[in-house]
C-alpha atoms as a PDB file:
ATOM      1  CA  UNK A   1      83.281  32.673  -6.987  1.00  0.00           C
ATOM      2  CA  UNK A   2      84.500  34.154  -3.617  1.00  0.00           C
ATOM      3  CA  UNK A   3      87.847  34.049  -4.294  1.00  0.00           C
ATOM      4  CA  UNK A   4      87.421  36.271  -7.834  1.00  0.00           C
ATOM      5  CA  UNK A   5      85.455  38.769  -6.028  1.00  0.00           C
ATOM      6  CA  UNK A   6      87.926  38.626  -3.073  1.00  0.00           C
ATOM      7  CA  UNK A   7      85.055  38.574  -0.572  1.00  0.00           C
ATOM      8  CA  UNK A   8      84.634  35.934   2.410  1.00  0.00           C
ATOM      9  CA  UNK A   9      82.533  33.079   2.261  1.00  0.00           C
ATOM     10  CA  UNK A  10      80.512  34.391   5.335  1.00  0.00           C
ATOM     11  CA  UNK A  11      80.152  37.656   4.048  1.00  0.00           C
ATOM     12  CA  UNK A  12      78.869  36.421   0.758  1.00  0.00           C
ATOM     13  CA  UNK A  13      76.498  34.321   2.911  1.00  0.00           C
ATOM     14  CA  UNK A  14      75.643  37.215   4.783  1.00  0.00           C
ATOM     15  CA  UNK A  15      74.895  39.130   1.757  1.00  0.00           C
ATOM     16  CA  UNK A  16      72.238  36.534   0.245  1.00  0.00           C
ATOM     17  CA  UNK A  17      70.603  36.426   3.675  1.00  0.00           C
ATOM     18  CA  UNK A  18      69.981  39.750   3.718  1.00  0.00           C
ATOM     19  CA  UNK A  19      68.428  39.898   0.381  1.00  0.00           C
ATOM     20  CA  UNK A  20      66.079  37.070   1.485  1.00  0.00           C
ATOM     21  CA  UNK A  21      65.109  39.086   4.360  1.00  0.00           C
ATOM     22  CA  UNK A  22      64.529  42.012   2.301  1.00  0.00           C
ATOM     23  CA  UNK A  23      62.104  40.112  -0.192  1.00  0.00           C
ATOM     24  CA  UNK A  24      60.545  38.094   2.590  1.00  0.00           C
ATOM     25  CA  UNK A  25      59.433  41.305   4.561  1.00  0.00           C
ATOM     26  CA  UNK A  26      57.911  43.054   1.134  1.00  0.00           C
ATOM     27  CA  UNK A  27      56.117  39.752   0.633  1.00  0.00           C
ATOM     28  CA  UNK A  28      54.551  39.919   4.439  1.00  0.00           C
ATOM     29  CA  UNK A  29      53.708  43.700   3.936  1.00  0.00           C
ATOM     30  CA  UNK A  30      52.395  42.974   0.612  1.00  0.00           C
ATOM     31  CA  UNK A  31      50.004  40.441   2.415  1.00  0.00           C
ATOM     32  CA  UNK A  32      49.213  42.814   5.243  1.00  0.00           C
ATOM     33  CA  UNK A  33      48.230  45.279   2.788  1.00  0.00           C
ATOM     34  CA  UNK A  34      46.141  42.991   0.760  1.00  0.00           C
ATOM     35  CA  UNK A  35      44.064  41.914   3.695  1.00  0.00           C
ATOM     36  CA  UNK A  36      43.529  45.526   5.267  1.00  0.00           C
ATOM     37  CA  UNK A  37      42.219  46.840   1.859  1.00  0.00           C
ATOM     38  CA  UNK A  38      40.347  43.787   1.404  1.00  0.00           C
ATOM     39  CA  UNK A  39      38.373  43.923   4.651  1.00  0.00           C
ATOM     40  CA  UNK A  40      38.375  47.864   4.246  1.00  0.00           C
ATOM     41  CA  UNK A  41      40.783  48.515   7.264  1.00  0.00           C
ATOM     42  CA  UNK A  42      38.486  46.812   9.524  1.00  0.00           C
ATOM     43  CA  UNK A  43      40.781  44.328  10.563  1.00  0.00           C
ATOM     44  CA  UNK A  44      42.982  45.024  13.642  1.00  0.00           C
ATOM     45  CA  UNK A  45      46.499  43.163  13.923  1.00  0.00           C
ATOM     46  CA  UNK A  46      45.400  39.936  15.609  1.00  0.00           C
ATOM     47  CA  UNK A  47      42.638  39.021  12.635  1.00  0.00           C
ATOM     48  CA  UNK A  48      45.243  40.140  10.080  1.00  0.00           C
ATOM     49  CA  UNK A  49      47.738  37.705  11.804  1.00  0.00           C
ATOM     50  CA  UNK A  50      45.212  35.106  12.075  1.00  0.00           C
ATOM     51  CA  UNK A  51      44.461  35.610   8.201  1.00  0.00           C
ATOM     52  CA  UNK A  52      48.149  34.947   7.183  1.00  0.00           C
ATOM     53  CA  UNK A  53      48.470  32.193   9.324  1.00  0.00           C
ATOM     54  CA  UNK A  54      45.341  30.893   7.311  1.00  0.00           C
ATOM     55  CA  UNK A  55      47.423  31.529   4.223  1.00  0.00           C
ATOM     56  CA  UNK A  56      50.316  29.410   5.595  1.00  0.00           C
ATOM     57  CA  UNK A  57      52.790  32.532   6.722  1.00  0.00           C
ATOM     58  CA  UNK A  58      54.014  31.888  10.220  1.00  0.00           C
ATOM     59  CA  UNK A  59      54.094  35.878  11.394  1.00  0.00           C
ATOM     60  CA  UNK A  60      54.389  36.675  14.913  1.00  0.00           C
ATOM     61  CA  UNK A  61      51.530  39.283  16.009  1.00  0.00           C
ATOM     62  CA  UNK A  62      53.861  41.735  17.353  1.00  0.00           C
ATOM     63  CA  UNK A  63      55.675  41.934  13.922  1.00  0.00           C
ATOM     64  CA  UNK A  64      52.244  42.572  12.150  1.00  0.00           C
ATOM     65  CA  UNK A  65      51.309  45.159  14.469  1.00  0.00           C
ATOM     66  CA  UNK A  66      54.746  46.761  13.925  1.00  0.00           C
ATOM     67  CA  UNK A  67      54.410  46.716  10.123  1.00  0.00           C
ATOM     68  CA  UNK A  68      50.860  48.213  10.418  1.00  0.00           C
ATOM     69  CA  UNK A  69      51.943  50.963  12.411  1.00  0.00           C
ATOM     70  CA  UNK A  70      54.795  51.959   9.796  1.00  0.00           C
ATOM     71  CA  UNK A  71      52.277  51.660   7.030  1.00  0.00           C
ATOM     72  CA  UNK A  72      49.488  53.477   9.289  1.00  0.00           C
ATOM     73  CA  UNK A  73      47.353  50.552   8.949  1.00  0.00           C
ATOM     74  CA  UNK A  74      46.152  50.113  12.240  1.00  0.00           C
ATOM     75  CA  UNK A  75      42.506  49.994  12.613  1.00  0.00           C
ATOM     76  CA  UNK A  76      40.843  52.561  14.611  1.00  0.00           C
ATOM     77  CA  UNK A  77      37.748  52.215  16.873  1.00  0.00           C
ATOM     78  CA  UNK A  78      35.503  54.722  15.573  1.00  0.00           C
ATOM     79  CA  UNK A  79      34.692  55.805  19.505  1.00  0.00           C
ATOM     80  CA  UNK A  80      38.194  56.300  19.893  1.00  0.00           C
ATOM     81  CA  UNK A  81      38.503  58.821  16.925  1.00  0.00           C
ATOM     82  CA  UNK A  82      35.126  60.966  17.517  1.00  0.00           C
ATOM     83  CA  UNK A  83      34.187  60.270  21.065  1.00  0.00           C
ATOM     84  CA  UNK A  84      30.836  60.854  22.109  1.00  0.00           C
ATOM     85  CA  UNK A  85      30.004  62.743  19.063  1.00  0.00           C
ATOM     86  CA  UNK A  86      30.637  59.595  16.750  1.00  0.00           C
ATOM     87  CA  UNK A  87      27.135  58.429  16.633  1.00  0.00           C
ATOM     88  CA  UNK A  88      25.397  61.992  16.058  1.00  0.00           C
ATOM     89  CA  UNK A  89      27.797  62.751  13.417  1.00  0.00           C
ATOM     90  CA  UNK A  90      27.244  59.203  11.716  1.00  0.00           C
ATOM     91  CA  UNK A  91      23.878  59.852  11.112  1.00  0.00           C
ATOM     92  CA  UNK A  92      24.420  62.782   9.137  1.00  0.00           C
ATOM     93  CA  UNK A  93      26.516  61.456   6.685  1.00  0.00           C
ATOM     94  CA  UNK A  94      23.876  59.106   4.884  1.00  0.00           C
ATOM     95  CA  UNK A  95      24.551  57.233   1.614  1.00  0.00           C
ATOM     96  CA  UNK A  96      23.320  59.929  -0.647  1.00  0.00           C
ATOM     97  CA  UNK A  97      24.973  58.374  -3.826  1.00  0.00           C
ATOM     98  CA  UNK A  98      22.743  55.447  -3.778  1.00  0.00           C
ATOM     99  CA  UNK A  99      19.924  57.595  -3.869  1.00  0.00           C
ATOM    100  CA  UNK A 100      20.936  60.042  -6.795  1.00  0.00           C
ATOM    101  CA  UNK A 101      19.809  60.245 -10.390  1.00  0.00           C
ATOM    102  CA  UNK A 102      22.885  61.582 -12.295  1.00  0.00           C
ATOM    103  CA  UNK A 103      22.350  63.977 -15.302  1.00  0.00           C
ATOM    104  CA  UNK A 104      25.579  65.613 -15.794  1.00  0.00           C
ATOM    105  CA  UNK A 105      28.783  66.189 -14.530  1.00  0.00           C
ATOM    106  CA  UNK A 106      30.264  67.408 -10.968  1.00  0.00           C
ATOM    107  CA  UNK A 107      26.868  66.225  -9.528  1.00  0.00           C
ATOM    108  CA  UNK A 108      28.545  63.225  -7.707  1.00  0.00           C
ATOM    109  CA  UNK A 109      32.301  62.322  -6.930  1.00  0.00           C
ATOM    110  CA  UNK A 110      33.578  59.221  -5.679  1.00  0.00           C
ATOM    111  CA  UNK A 111      36.757  58.545  -3.924  1.00  0.00           C
ATOM    112  CA  UNK A 112      39.020  55.842  -2.844  1.00  0.00           C
ATOM    113  CA  UNK A 113      42.563  54.734  -1.621  1.00  0.00           C
ATOM    114  CA  UNK A 114      44.662  51.862  -2.608  1.00  0.00           C
ATOM    115  CA  UNK A 115      48.228  50.875  -2.436  1.00  0.00           C
ATOM    116  CA  UNK A 116      50.766  50.002  -4.478  1.00  0.00           C
ATOM    117  CA  UNK A 117      54.095  47.885  -4.012  1.00  0.00           C
ATOM    118  CA  UNK A 118      57.467  49.096  -5.547  1.00  0.00           C
ATOM    119  CA  UNK A 119      60.735  47.100  -5.054  1.00  0.00           C
ATOM    120  CA  UNK A 120      61.476  48.378  -1.413  1.00  0.00           C
ATOM    121  CA  UNK A 121      58.356  50.208  -0.138  1.00  0.00           C
ATOM    122  CA  UNK A 122      54.721  50.475  -0.558  1.00  0.00           C
ATOM    123  CA  UNK A 123      53.147  53.717  -1.702  1.00  0.00           C
ATOM    124  CA  UNK A 124      49.461  55.001  -1.486  1.00  0.00           C
ATOM    125  CA  UNK A 125      47.186  56.520  -4.251  1.00  0.00           C
ATOM    126  CA  UNK A 126      43.872  58.399  -3.416  1.00  0.00           C
ATOM    127  CA  UNK A 127      41.912  58.859  -6.373  1.00  0.00           C
ATOM    128  CA  UNK A 128      38.386  61.137  -6.957  1.00  0.00           C
ATOM    129  CA  UNK A 129      36.347  60.002  -9.741  1.00  0.00           C
ATOM    130  CA  UNK A 130      33.369  61.885 -11.474  1.00  0.00           C
ATOM    131  CA  UNK A 131      30.431  59.219 -11.079  1.00  0.00           C
ATOM    132  CA  UNK A 132      28.668  60.467 -14.383  1.00  0.00           C
ATOM    133  CA  UNK A 133      31.644  60.772 -16.792  1.00  0.00           C
ATOM    134  CA  UNK A 134      33.874  58.637 -15.140  1.00  0.00           C
ATOM    135  CA  UNK A 135      36.723  60.912 -15.680  1.00  0.00           C
ATOM    136  CA  UNK A 136      39.542  61.028 -13.134  1.00  0.00           C
ATOM    137  CA  UNK A 137      39.374  64.452 -11.623  1.00  0.00           C
ATOM    138  CA  UNK A 138      41.834  64.438  -8.847  1.00  0.00           C
ATOM    139  CA  UNK A 139      44.883  61.959  -7.549  1.00  0.00           C
ATOM    140  CA  UNK A 140      47.863  62.110  -5.281  1.00  0.00           C
ATOM    141  CA  UNK A 141      50.221  59.452  -4.502  1.00  0.00           C
ATOM    142  CA  UNK A 142      52.344  59.625  -1.303  1.00  0.00           C
ATOM    143  CA  UNK A 143      54.173  57.385   1.172  1.00  0.00           C
ATOM    144  CA  UNK A 144      51.823  57.549   3.865  1.00  0.00           C
ATOM    145  CA  UNK A 145      48.463  56.976   4.646  1.00  0.00           C
ATOM    146  CA  UNK A 146      47.494  59.892   6.545  1.00  0.00           C
ATOM    147  CA  UNK A 147      44.908  62.678   5.773  1.00  0.00           C
ATOM    148  CA  UNK A 148      47.023  64.703   3.731  1.00  0.00           C
ATOM    149  CA  UNK A 149      47.155  61.956   0.907  1.00  0.00           C
ATOM    150  CA  UNK A 150      43.044  62.211  -0.069  1.00  0.00           C
ATOM    151  CA  UNK A 151      43.206  65.866   0.806  1.00  0.00           C
ATOM    152  CA  UNK A 152      45.859  66.789  -1.994  1.00  0.00           C
ATOM    153  CA  UNK A 153      43.400  64.394  -4.573  1.00  0.00           C
ATOM    154  CA  UNK A 154      40.502  66.575  -3.186  1.00  0.00           C
ATOM    155  CA  UNK A 155      42.030  69.741  -3.463  1.00  0.00           C
ATOM    156  CA  UNK A 156      43.544  69.053  -6.945  1.00  0.00           C
ATOM    157  CA  UNK A 157      39.915  68.209  -8.022  1.00  0.00           C
ATOM    158  CA  UNK A 158      38.448  71.225  -6.721  1.00  0.00           C
ATOM    159  CA  UNK A 159      41.239  73.370  -8.227  1.00  0.00           C
ATOM    160  CA  UNK A 160      40.427  71.812 -11.659  1.00  0.00           C
ATOM    161  CA  UNK A 161      36.747  71.604 -11.764  1.00  0.00           C
ATOM    162  CA  UNK A 162      35.707  74.457  -9.534  1.00  0.00           C
ATOM    163  CA  UNK A 163      32.351  72.704  -8.481  1.00  0.00           C
ATOM    164  CA  UNK A 164      29.029  74.719  -7.830  1.00  0.00           C
ATOM    165  CA  UNK A 165      27.779  73.931  -4.042  1.00  0.00           C
ATOM    166  CA  UNK A 166      25.513  71.002  -3.294  1.00  0.00           C
ATOM    167  CA  UNK A 167      28.134  68.936  -5.028  1.00  0.00           C
ATOM    168  CA  UNK A 168      27.763  65.149  -3.341  1.00  0.00           C
ATOM    169  CA  UNK A 169      31.210  63.554  -2.218  1.00  0.00           C
ATOM    170  CA  UNK A 170      31.103  59.976  -1.670  1.00  0.00           C
ATOM    171  CA  UNK A 171      33.617  57.520   0.237  1.00  0.00           C
ATOM    172  CA  UNK A 172      33.925  54.763   2.341  1.00  0.00           C
ATOM    173  CA  UNK A 173      34.353  55.027   6.047  1.00  0.00           C
ATOM    174  CA  UNK A 174      37.884  54.967   6.128  1.00  0.00           C
ATOM    175  CA  UNK A 175      39.161  57.113   9.042  1.00  0.00           C
ATOM    176  CA  UNK A 176      41.262  59.489   6.180  1.00  0.00           C
ATOM    177  CA  UNK A 177      37.761  60.690   4.918  1.00  0.00           C
ATOM    178  CA  UNK A 178      36.541  61.392   8.731  1.00  0.00           C
ATOM    179  CA  UNK A 179      39.646  63.460   9.527  1.00  0.00           C
ATOM    180  CA  UNK A 180      39.274  67.089  10.599  1.00  0.00           C
ATOM    181  CA  UNK A 181      41.353  68.327   7.815  1.00  0.00           C
ATOM    182  CA  UNK A 182      39.390  66.641   4.997  1.00  0.00           C
ATOM    183  CA  UNK A 183      36.128  67.519   6.173  1.00  0.00           C
ATOM    184  CA  UNK A 184      37.158  71.057   6.459  1.00  0.00           C
ATOM    185  CA  UNK A 185      38.133  71.181   2.683  1.00  0.00           C
ATOM    186  CA  UNK A 186      34.447  69.784   1.961  1.00  0.00           C
ATOM    187  CA  UNK A 187      32.480  72.249   4.263  1.00  0.00           C
ATOM    188  CA  UNK A 188      34.708  75.106   2.875  1.00  0.00           C
ATOM    189  CA  UNK A 189      33.723  74.444  -0.677  1.00  0.00           C
ATOM    190  CA  UNK A 190      29.862  73.455   0.332  1.00  0.00           C
ATOM    191  CA  UNK A 191      30.532  69.765  -0.805  1.00  0.00           C
ATOM    192  CA  UNK A 192      28.029  67.423   0.671  1.00  0.00           C
ATOM    193  CA  UNK A 193      29.547  64.246   2.414  1.00  0.00           C
ATOM    194  CA  UNK A 194      28.066  60.928   1.803  1.00  0.00           C
ATOM    195  CA  UNK A 195      29.390  57.425   3.067  1.00  0.00           C
ATOM    196  CA  UNK A 196      28.765  53.843   2.563  1.00  0.00           C
ATOM    197  CA  UNK A 197      26.996  51.682   5.011  1.00  0.00           C
ATOM    198  CA  UNK A 198      29.545  49.040   6.765  1.00  0.00           C
ATOM    199  CA  UNK A 199      29.791  46.145   4.515  1.00  0.00           C
ATOM    200  CA  UNK A 200      28.102  47.885   1.585  1.00  0.00           C
ATOM    201  CA  UNK A 201      31.109  49.368  -0.834  1.00  0.00           C
ATOM    202  CA  UNK A 202      28.909  49.010  -3.782  1.00  0.00           C
ATOM    203  CA  UNK A 203      28.475  52.661  -4.505  1.00  0.00           C
ATOM    204  CA  UNK A 204      32.248  52.948  -4.978  1.00  0.00           C
ATOM    205  CA  UNK A 205      32.392  50.194  -7.763  1.00  0.00           C
ATOM    206  CA  UNK A 206      33.075  52.847 -10.268  1.00  0.00           C
ATOM    207  CA  UNK A 207      36.262  53.770  -8.312  1.00  0.00           C
ATOM    208  CA  UNK A 208      37.321  50.416  -7.634  1.00  0.00           C
ATOM    209  CA  UNK A 209      37.009  49.489 -11.490  1.00  0.00           C
ATOM    210  CA  UNK A 210      39.357  52.323 -12.346  1.00  0.00           C
ATOM    211  CA  UNK A 211      42.113  51.324  -9.722  1.00  0.00           C
ATOM    212  CA  UNK A 212      41.759  47.651 -11.142  1.00  0.00           C
ATOM    213  CA  UNK A 213      42.162  49.058 -14.673  1.00  0.00           C
ATOM    214  CA  UNK A 214      45.125  51.181 -13.451  1.00  0.00           C
ATOM    215  CA  UNK A 215      46.907  48.111 -11.622  1.00  0.00           C
ATOM    216  CA  UNK A 216      46.111  45.760 -14.947  1.00  0.00           C
ATOM    217  CA  UNK A 217      46.822  47.933 -17.506  1.00  0.00           C
ATOM    218  CA  UNK A 218      49.866  50.348 -15.999  1.00  0.00           C
ATOM    219  CA  UNK A 219      50.961  49.087 -12.436  1.00  0.00           C
ATOM    220  CA  UNK A 220      51.624  45.400 -12.918  1.00  0.00           C
ATOM    221  CA  UNK A 221      53.120  45.943 -16.374  1.00  0.00           C
ATOM    222  CA  UNK A 222      55.980  47.924 -14.998  1.00  0.00           C
ATOM    223  CA  UNK A 223      58.637  47.676 -12.749  1.00  0.00           C
ATOM    224  CA  UNK A 224      58.742  50.928 -10.763  1.00  0.00           C
ATOM    225  CA  UNK A 225      62.139  52.102  -9.062  1.00  0.00           C
ATOM    226  CA  UNK A 226      60.879  54.531  -6.621  1.00  0.00           C
ATOM    227  CA  UNK A 227      57.927  57.057  -6.223  1.00  0.00           C
ATOM    228  CA  UNK A 228      59.088  59.631  -8.622  1.00  0.00           C
ATOM    229  CA  UNK A 229      58.999  56.914 -11.462  1.00  0.00           C
ATOM    230  CA  UNK A 230      55.682  55.838 -10.699  1.00  0.00           C
ATOM    231  CA  UNK A 231      54.258  59.392 -10.393  1.00  0.00           C
ATOM    232  CA  UNK A 232      55.476  60.124 -13.584  1.00  0.00           C
ATOM    233  CA  UNK A 233      53.994  57.058 -15.347  1.00  0.00           C
ATOM    234  CA  UNK A 234      50.541  57.205 -13.422  1.00  0.00           C
ATOM    235  CA  UNK A 235      50.151  60.825 -14.466  1.00  0.00           C
ATOM    236  CA  UNK A 236      50.673  60.212 -18.018  1.00  0.00           C
ATOM    237  CA  UNK A 237      48.067  57.044 -17.720  1.00  0.00           C
ATOM    238  CA  UNK A 238      45.517  59.112 -16.202  1.00  0.00           C
ATOM    239  CA  UNK A 239      45.998  62.612 -17.805  1.00  0.00           C
ATOM    240  CA  UNK A 240      47.067  61.100 -21.690  1.00  0.00           C
ATOM    241  CA  UNK A 241      45.548  57.675 -21.915  1.00  0.00           C
ATOM    242  CA  UNK A 242      42.728  57.038 -19.209  1.00  0.00           C
ATOM    243  CA  UNK A 243      40.657  60.420 -19.520  1.00  0.00           C
ATOM    244  CA  UNK A 244      41.141  61.186 -23.295  1.00  0.00           C
ATOM    245  CA  UNK A 245      41.706  57.873 -24.923  1.00  0.00           C
ATOM    246  CA  UNK A 246      40.382  55.001 -23.535  1.00  0.00           C
ATOM    247  CA  UNK A 247      37.082  53.906 -24.229  1.00  0.00           C
ATOM    248  CA  UNK A 248      34.610  53.124 -21.617  1.00  0.00           C
ATOM    249  CA  UNK A 249      32.043  50.327 -21.815  1.00  0.00           C
ATOM    250  CA  UNK A 250      29.830  52.309 -19.548  1.00  0.00           C
ATOM    251  CA  UNK A 251      29.872  55.488 -21.670  1.00  0.00           C
ATOM    252  CA  UNK A 252      28.636  53.878 -24.909  1.00  0.00           C
ATOM    253  CA  UNK A 253      32.647  53.398 -25.727  1.00  0.00           C
ATOM    254  CA  UNK A 254      33.643  56.627 -25.294  1.00  0.00           C
ATOM    255  CA  UNK A 255      36.506  58.167 -23.862  1.00  0.00           C
ATOM    256  CA  UNK A 256      35.402  60.353 -20.560  1.00  0.00           C
ATOM    257  CA  UNK A 257      36.447  63.671 -22.115  1.00  0.00           C
ATOM    258  CA  UNK A 258      34.617  63.227 -25.263  1.00  0.00           C
ATOM    259  CA  UNK A 259      31.719  62.009 -23.070  1.00  0.00           C
ATOM    260  CA  UNK A 260      31.702  65.485 -21.262  1.00  0.00           C
ATOM    261  CA  UNK A 261      31.986  67.589 -24.467  1.00  0.00           C
ATOM    262  CA  UNK A 262      28.722  65.920 -25.483  1.00  0.00           C
ATOM    263  CA  UNK A 263      26.988  66.528 -22.076  1.00  0.00           C
ATOM    264  CA  UNK A 264      28.078  69.990 -22.243  1.00  0.00           C
ATOM    265  CA  UNK A 265      26.389  70.557 -25.753  1.00  0.00           C
ATOM    266  CA  UNK A 266      23.126  68.854 -24.158  1.00  0.00           C
ATOM    267  CA  UNK A 267      23.451  71.128 -20.958  1.00  0.00           C
ATOM    268  CA  UNK A 268      22.848  74.245 -23.447  1.00  0.00           C
ATOM    269  CA  UNK A 269      19.572  72.886 -24.189  1.00  0.00           C
ATOM    270  CA  UNK A 270      16.507  74.397 -22.281  1.00  0.00           C
ATOM    271  CA  UNK A 271      15.027  72.535 -19.382  1.00  0.00           C
ATOM    272  CA  UNK A 272      18.181  70.384 -19.123  1.00  0.00           C
ATOM    273  CA  UNK A 273      17.629  68.385 -15.795  1.00  0.00           C
ATOM    274  CA  UNK A 274      19.686  68.516 -12.608  1.00  0.00           C
ATOM    275  CA  UNK A 275      20.407  65.580 -10.517  1.00  0.00           C
ATOM    276  CA  UNK A 276      17.455  64.389  -8.499  1.00  0.00           C
ATOM    277  CA  UNK A 277      17.653  62.189  -5.187  1.00  0.00           C
ATOM    278  CA  UNK A 278      15.230  59.976  -3.455  1.00  0.00           C
ATOM    279  CA  UNK A 279      14.604  59.769   0.328  1.00  0.00           C
ATOM    280  CA  UNK A 280      12.094  57.565   2.557  1.00  0.00           C
ATOM    281  CA  UNK A 281       9.762  59.527   4.644  1.00  0.00           C
ATOM    282  CA  UNK A 282      11.359  61.063   7.495  1.00  0.00           C
ATOM    283  CA  UNK A 283      15.008  61.644   6.033  1.00  0.00           C
ATOM    284  CA  UNK A 284      15.904  65.413   5.305  1.00  0.00           C
ATOM    285  CA  UNK A 285      16.943  66.709   1.745  1.00  0.00           C
ATOM    286  CA  UNK A 286      20.735  66.763   0.823  1.00  0.00           C
ATOM    287  CA  UNK A 287      21.093  70.395   1.375  1.00  0.00           C
ATOM    288  CA  UNK A 288      20.108  69.842   5.173  1.00  0.00           C
ATOM    289  CA  UNK A 289      23.593  68.136   5.415  1.00  0.00           C
ATOM    290  CA  UNK A 290      25.972  70.923   4.242  1.00  0.00           C
END
C-alpha cells in the first residue's frame, strides 16, 4: 500500500499516530467538559484529574490544567473574583425563581450554558428560556466561555421580547452570570437577577430539559463539521421546530408559540393576575434588588 501511494512506511505510521493523538485529545477534552458541566464548574483541575483516573483515564494533572485553561473551564474561587464585596452581593441575589407563581410570559427567564463537541473542537451554547411558556427566547453559540457568550444570548432575548421592568432572570452561579458585563445589561433593562443556591440547580430544570432535548433530537443525530454548520442547524431546530411545532407535555401538548397566543388572549380579560412571590419574614420584596 505504501508503494502504491508512494509514501514511506515511517510517514504512514506518523500519519496514523497523528490521527490517534487527535482522537485521544478530543476524548480527554470531552470527559473534562462532561465532568466540569456535571459539577457546575465547581471542580478544579486536581479534582477533575482524580475523576478522570477513576474513569480509567491516566492523564497528567498538568495536561488537565492546560486543557481547562484553553477551554475556559478553570474554576474560580468566589473571593478571588469579587473580593470583600462577594458575601454582600451574594445575599442580594436571592433565589427568586423558587418563590414565584407564574401567570404569564416575560415574568421569569431561565438561563444556562452547555458544551457541544464537534469533530476537532468544542463550542458552547448559551440559552434563555421563558419559564412560563418554555419558549426559547435567546441563544448564542461561540468558541469561548467568556461573558460575551451569555451576553449575546441575553441581548437577543431582550431585543426580541422587549420585556417590562421587574422581569426575573434566573441562572446558576457560573462566573459568566456574575460578570460585570452581564450584570450591567440586566441593570440597564431593569431585570432582577436570581441565582440558585449551591448544589440546588432544580430551578433550572426547564432549561436543562431543553438542552437534553436539543442534544438528543438534533446534536447527536448529526455530524457537524464546524461552527457555521452547527449554527445553521441549531437555529432551524429552535426557531422553526422547537418553538413553533414541537408539542410540550408541560404545556398540555401544545407548542410554545401556540401556548403564548392563548395566554395573550387571556391577558386581555379583566383582572388577569400578575406573577406573585412569596417570602419568609424579614426578606424584602423583589423590587428591593433592582
